[in-house]
Amino acid sequence: MSLEINGQAVETEVSAALRLSGFLRDVLGLTGVKEGCCEGECGACTVLLDGKPINSCLMLTLQAAGREVTTVEGLGGSSGLQDAFLQLGAVQCGYCTPGMLVAAEGLLLDKSSPSEAEIRHALAGNICRCTGFETIVRAVAAHAAAREAAR
């Protein structure tokens, strides 16, 4: 099977039962993809599939054949979103952070100036027990505003 991961073509054979989260994390070593609940509830495994956020624990790797997958590693540090998270204190334990970043990036690919309600909706599938979401929402909003101002 072939697919694109973080801008790189990948050609591989995989077990029919292998979840995309396990493939990315255990086979390719992309440890930014976390496996929390493995039931699609926590959002720790969020990746972009063709630019849209999905829970990679709910998808078999074979279902991603011919598609484009972006993990937090594929976002690159230059997006500024990670900097906004750090500067505004949106990172505490860090377990949810990769999924939050990917979900936020998916939102910002779709909408350049999201409202607070839209940000909260986009992040609703990601559980964070440390920050209470306030700093995360502020970081996404600040980055969206900075991105819009730079255009």
C-alpha atoms as a PDB file:
ATOM      1  CA  MET A   1       0.000   0.000   0.000  1.00  0.00           C
ATOM      2  CA  SER A   2       1.133   3.568  -0.563  1.00  0.00           C
ATOM      3  CA  LEU A   3       0.243   6.813   1.171  1.00  0.00           C
ATOM      4  CA  GLU A   4       1.792  10.167   1.966  1.00  0.00           C
ATOM      5  CA  ILE A   5       2.816  10.936   5.530  1.00  0.00           C
ATOM      6  CA  ASN A   6       4.031  14.412   6.438  1.00  0.00           C
ATOM      7  CA  GLY A   7       4.797  15.144   2.812  1.00  0.00           C
ATOM      8  CA  GLN A   8       6.776  11.922   2.244  1.00  0.00           C
ATOM      9  CA  ALA A   9       5.650   9.015   0.093  1.00  0.00           C
ATOM     10  CA  VAL A  10       5.459   5.764   2.056  1.00  0.00           C
ATOM     11  CA  GLU A  11       5.220   2.364   0.405  1.00  0.00           C
ATOM     12  CA  THR A  12       4.688  -0.527   2.808  1.00  0.00           C
ATOM     13  CA  GLU A  13       2.867  -3.719   3.635  1.00  0.00           C
ATOM     14  CA  VAL A  14       0.722  -3.708   6.764  1.00  0.00           C
ATOM     15  CA  SER A  15      -1.502  -6.080   8.661  1.00  0.00           C
ATOM     16  CA  ALA A  16      -5.170  -5.694   7.789  1.00  0.00           C
ATOM     17  CA  ALA A  17      -5.948  -5.193  11.499  1.00  0.00           C
ATOM     18  CA  LEU A  18      -3.345  -2.481  12.227  1.00  0.00           C
ATOM     19  CA  ARG A  19      -4.829   0.819  13.377  1.00  0.00           C
ATOM     20  CA  LEU A  20      -3.447   3.947  11.762  1.00  0.00           C
ATOM     21  CA  SER A  21      -2.393   5.243  15.204  1.00  0.00           C
ATOM     22  CA  GLY A  22      -0.333   2.110  15.836  1.00  0.00           C
ATOM     23  CA  PHE A  23       1.230   2.245  12.390  1.00  0.00           C
ATOM     24  CA  LEU A  24       2.257   5.873  12.753  1.00  0.00           C
ATOM     25  CA  ARG A  25       3.545   5.497  16.290  1.00  0.00           C
ATOM     26  CA  ASP A  26       4.961   1.981  16.485  1.00  0.00           C
ATOM     27  CA  VAL A  27       6.029   1.300  12.904  1.00  0.00           C
ATOM     28  CA  LEU A  28       7.096   4.764  11.735  1.00  0.00           C
ATOM     29  CA  GLY A  29       8.184   6.142  15.134  1.00  0.00           C
ATOM     30  CA  LEU A  30       5.966   9.239  14.956  1.00  0.00           C
ATOM     31  CA  THR A  31       5.500   9.389  18.712  1.00  0.00           C
ATOM     32  CA  GLY A  32       3.590  12.666  18.619  1.00  0.00           C
ATOM     33  CA  VAL A  33       0.613  10.443  17.852  1.00  0.00           C
ATOM     34  CA  LYS A  34      -0.522   9.327  21.297  1.00  0.00           C
ATOM     35  CA  GLU A  35      -2.738   6.349  22.014  1.00  0.00           C
ATOM     36  CA  GLY A  36      -4.931   7.252  24.938  1.00  0.00           C
ATOM     37  CA  CYS A  37      -8.331   5.598  24.888  1.00  0.00           C
ATOM     38  CA  CYS A  38      -8.185   3.749  21.523  1.00  0.00           C
ATOM     39  CA  GLU A  39     -11.927   4.415  21.292  1.00  0.00           C
ATOM     40  CA  GLY A  40     -12.020   7.846  19.622  1.00  0.00           C
ATOM     41  CA  GLU A  41     -12.913   9.652  22.837  1.00  0.00           C
ATOM     42  CA  CYS A  42      -9.752  11.500  23.927  1.00  0.00           C
ATOM     43  CA  GLY A  43      -8.310  13.008  20.732  1.00  0.00           C
ATOM     44  CA  ALA A  44      -4.696  12.188  21.659  1.00  0.00           C
ATOM     45  CA  CYS A  45      -4.263  10.382  18.339  1.00  0.00           C
ATOM     46  CA  THR A  46      -5.631  13.195  16.147  1.00  0.00           C
ATOM     47  CA  VAL A  47      -4.024  13.499  12.712  1.00  0.00           C
ATOM     48  CA  LEU A  48      -5.043  15.283   9.542  1.00  0.00           C
ATOM     49  CA  LEU A  49      -6.316  13.012   6.807  1.00  0.00           C
ATOM     50  CA  ASP A  50      -6.419  14.942   3.540  1.00  0.00           C
ATOM     51  CA  GLY A  51      -6.431  18.117   5.670  1.00  0.00           C
ATOM     52  CA  LYS A  52      -9.281  17.102   7.991  1.00  0.00           C
ATOM     53  CA  PRO A  53      -8.808  16.057  11.645  1.00  0.00           C
ATOM     54  CA  ILE A  54      -9.579  12.420  12.451  1.00  0.00           C
ATOM     55  CA  ASN A  55      -8.992  10.046  15.352  1.00  0.00           C
ATOM     56  CA  SER A  56      -6.339   7.728  13.946  1.00  0.00           C
ATOM     57  CA  CYS A  57      -7.222   5.040  16.507  1.00  0.00           C
ATOM     58  CA  LEU A  58     -10.569   4.566  14.744  1.00  0.00           C
ATOM     59  CA  MET A  59      -9.080   3.985  11.303  1.00  0.00           C
ATOM     60  CA  LEU A  60      -7.290   0.984   9.901  1.00  0.00           C
ATOM     61  CA  THR A  61      -4.030   1.801   8.165  1.00  0.00           C
ATOM     62  CA  LEU A  62      -5.275   0.234   4.932  1.00  0.00           C
ATOM     63  CA  GLN A  63      -8.118   2.784   4.860  1.00  0.00           C
ATOM     64  CA  ALA A  64      -5.500   5.514   4.467  1.00  0.00           C
ATOM     65  CA  ALA A  65      -4.116   4.026   1.241  1.00  0.00           C
ATOM     66  CA  GLY A  66      -3.624   6.702  -1.397  1.00  0.00           C
ATOM     67  CA  ARG A  67      -4.344   9.495   1.069  1.00  0.00           C
ATOM     68  CA  GLU A  68      -2.339  12.220   2.785  1.00  0.00           C
ATOM     69  CA  VAL A  69      -1.719  11.975   6.536  1.00  0.00           C
ATOM     70  CA  THR A  70      -0.227  14.788   8.599  1.00  0.00           C
ATOM     71  CA  THR A  71       0.886  14.260  12.188  1.00  0.00           C
ATOM     72  CA  VAL A  72       2.079  16.891  14.645  1.00  0.00           C
ATOM     73  CA  GLU A  73       5.613  16.191  13.382  1.00  0.00           C
ATOM     74  CA  GLY A  74       4.446  17.203   9.910  1.00  0.00           C
ATOM     75  CA  LEU A  75       3.160  20.578  11.089  1.00  0.00           C
ATOM     76  CA  GLY A  76       6.716  21.753  11.632  1.00  0.00           C
ATOM     77  CA  GLY A  77       7.799  24.225  14.267  1.00  0.00           C
ATOM     78  CA  SER A  78       7.583  27.121  11.849  1.00  0.00           C
ATOM     79  CA  SER A  79       3.783  27.298  11.821  1.00  0.00           C
ATOM     80  CA  GLY A  80       3.773  29.529  14.887  1.00  0.00           C
ATOM     81  CA  LEU A  81       0.932  27.587  16.455  1.00  0.00           C
ATOM     82  CA  GLN A  82       3.341  25.708  18.730  1.00  0.00           C
ATOM     83  CA  ASP A  83       4.904  29.028  19.756  1.00  0.00           C
ATOM     84  CA  ALA A  84       1.487  30.440  20.638  1.00  0.00           C
ATOM     85  CA  PHE A  85       0.794  27.388  22.808  1.00  0.00           C
ATOM     86  CA  LEU A  86       4.099  27.870  24.627  1.00  0.00           C
ATOM     87  CA  GLN A  87       3.854  31.637  25.016  1.00  0.00           C
ATOM     88  CA  LEU A  88       0.296  31.550  26.357  1.00  0.00           C
ATOM     89  CA  GLY A  89       0.772  28.610  28.697  1.00  0.00           C
ATOM     90  CA  ALA A  90      -1.412  26.197  26.739  1.00  0.00           C
ATOM     91  CA  VAL A  91       1.010  23.355  27.452  1.00  0.00           C
ATOM     92  CA  GLN A  92       1.207  21.654  30.815  1.00  0.00           C
ATOM     93  CA  CYS A  93       1.733  17.897  30.936  1.00  0.00           C
ATOM     94  CA  GLY A  94       1.867  17.830  27.126  1.00  0.00           C
ATOM     95  CA  TYR A  95       0.003  14.575  26.544  1.00  0.00           C
ATOM     96  CA  CYS A  96      -2.926  16.201  24.750  1.00  0.00           C
ATOM     97  CA  THR A  97      -0.836  18.878  23.059  1.00  0.00           C
ATOM     98  CA  PRO A  98      -0.061  17.074  19.769  1.00  0.00           C
ATOM     99  CA  GLY A  99      -3.732  16.231  19.194  1.00  0.00           C
ATOM    100  CA  MET A 100      -4.783  19.768  20.132  1.00  0.00           C
ATOM    101  CA  LEU A 101      -2.243  21.275  17.738  1.00  0.00           C
ATOM    102  CA  VAL A 102      -3.363  19.040  14.872  1.00  0.00           C
ATOM    103  CA  ALA A 103      -7.060  19.712  15.530  1.00  0.00           C
ATOM    104  CA  ALA A 104      -6.374  23.463  15.703  1.00  0.00           C
ATOM    105  CA  GLU A 105      -4.365  23.355  12.490  1.00  0.00           C
ATOM    106  CA  GLY A 106      -7.220  21.513  10.796  1.00  0.00           C
ATOM    107  CA  LEU A 107      -9.589  24.278  11.881  1.00  0.00           C
ATOM    108  CA  LEU A 108      -7.220  27.011  10.677  1.00  0.00           C
ATOM    109  CA  LEU A 109      -6.823  25.316   7.296  1.00  0.00           C
ATOM    110  CA  ASP A 110     -10.586  25.496   6.949  1.00  0.00           C
ATOM    111  CA  LYS A 111     -11.272  28.898   8.549  1.00  0.00           C
ATOM    112  CA  SER A 112      -8.739  31.712   8.886  1.00  0.00           C
ATOM    113  CA  SER A 113     -10.590  33.752  11.532  1.00  0.00           C
ATOM    114  CA  PRO A 114     -12.542  31.327  13.697  1.00  0.00           C
ATOM    115  CA  SER A 115     -14.739  32.563  16.523  1.00  0.00           C
ATOM    116  CA  GLU A 116     -14.201  31.347  20.078  1.00  0.00           C
ATOM    117  CA  ALA A 117     -17.205  29.057  19.663  1.00  0.00           C
ATOM    118  CA  GLU A 118     -15.726  27.579  16.479  1.00  0.00           C
ATOM    119  CA  ILE A 119     -12.382  27.007  18.204  1.00  0.00           C
ATOM    120  CA  ARG A 120     -14.090  25.307  21.135  1.00  0.00           C
ATOM    121  CA  HIS A 121     -16.122  23.139  18.750  1.00  0.00           C
ATOM    122  CA  ALA A 122     -13.002  22.126  16.771  1.00  0.00           C
ATOM    123  CA  LEU A 123     -11.190  21.162  19.975  1.00  0.00           C
ATOM    124  CA  ALA A 124     -14.170  19.461  21.635  1.00  0.00           C
ATOM    125  CA  GLY A 125     -12.952  15.982  20.684  1.00  0.00           C
ATOM    126  CA  ASN A 126      -9.654  16.497  22.512  1.00  0.00           C
ATOM    127  CA  ILE A 127      -9.553  15.967  26.262  1.00  0.00           C
ATOM    128  CA  CYS A 128      -7.220  18.046  28.422  1.00  0.00           C
ATOM    129  CA  ARG A 129      -7.191  17.606  32.168  1.00  0.00           C
ATOM    130  CA  CYS A 130      -4.496  20.203  32.928  1.00  0.00           C
ATOM    131  CA  THR A 131      -5.295  23.542  31.278  1.00  0.00           C
ATOM    132  CA  GLY A 132      -9.063  23.753  31.435  1.00  0.00           C
ATOM    133  CA  PHE A 133      -9.005  24.690  27.730  1.00  0.00           C
ATOM    134  CA  GLU A 134      -8.968  28.462  28.367  1.00  0.00           C
ATOM    135  CA  THR A 135      -5.285  28.924  27.524  1.00  0.00           C
ATOM    136  CA  ILE A 136      -5.561  26.548  24.570  1.00  0.00           C
ATOM    137  CA  VAL A 137      -8.486  28.502  23.112  1.00  0.00           C
ATOM    138  CA  ARG A 138      -6.594  31.774  23.661  1.00  0.00           C
ATOM    139  CA  ALA A 139      -3.493  30.365  21.954  1.00  0.00           C
ATOM    140  CA  VAL A 140      -5.450  29.216  18.888  1.00  0.00           C
ATOM    141  CA  ALA A 141      -7.273  32.571  18.681  1.00  0.00           C
ATOM    142  CA  ALA A 142      -4.034  34.542  19.047  1.00  0.00           C
ATOM    143  CA  HIS A 143      -2.313  32.492  16.375  1.00  0.00           C
ATOM    144  CA  ALA A 144      -5.300  32.822  14.024  1.00  0.00           C
ATOM    145  CA  ALA A 145      -5.251  36.603  14.502  1.00  0.00           C
ATOM    146  CA  ALA A 146      -1.493  36.767  13.878  1.00  0.00           C
ATOM    147  CA  ARG A 147      -1.831  34.601  10.763  1.00  0.00           C
ATOM    148  CA  GLU A 148      -4.653  36.799   9.459  1.00  0.00           C
ATOM    149  CA  ALA A 149      -2.672  39.994  10.159  1.00  0.00           C
ATOM    150  CA  ALA A 150       0.311  38.621   8.253  1.00  0.00           C
ATOM    151  CA  ARG A 151      -1.754  38.048   5.091  1.00  0.00           C
END
